[in-house]
């Protein structure tokens, strides 16, 4: 995972273990790999990273995104 500033916010999406390979992950990986100058790219939330975590009910896929909306702090 990339090193981030300590005061920078992220959004984390954790899948239940019934989604072994969520289709969203493959789509977001593809979008992340694209180098586009299309103006619409500014309106698509970027996936920063992904990882798996082991829990008591199995492995969970986690997606790290840039947050949407405003900062309330």
Foldseek 3Di string as FASTA:
>chain_A
DDDDDPPADKDKDKADVVCVDPPVVVVLVVVVPDDDPPPCVVVDWHFPDWDWDADPRGIIIMTITHDDDDDPD
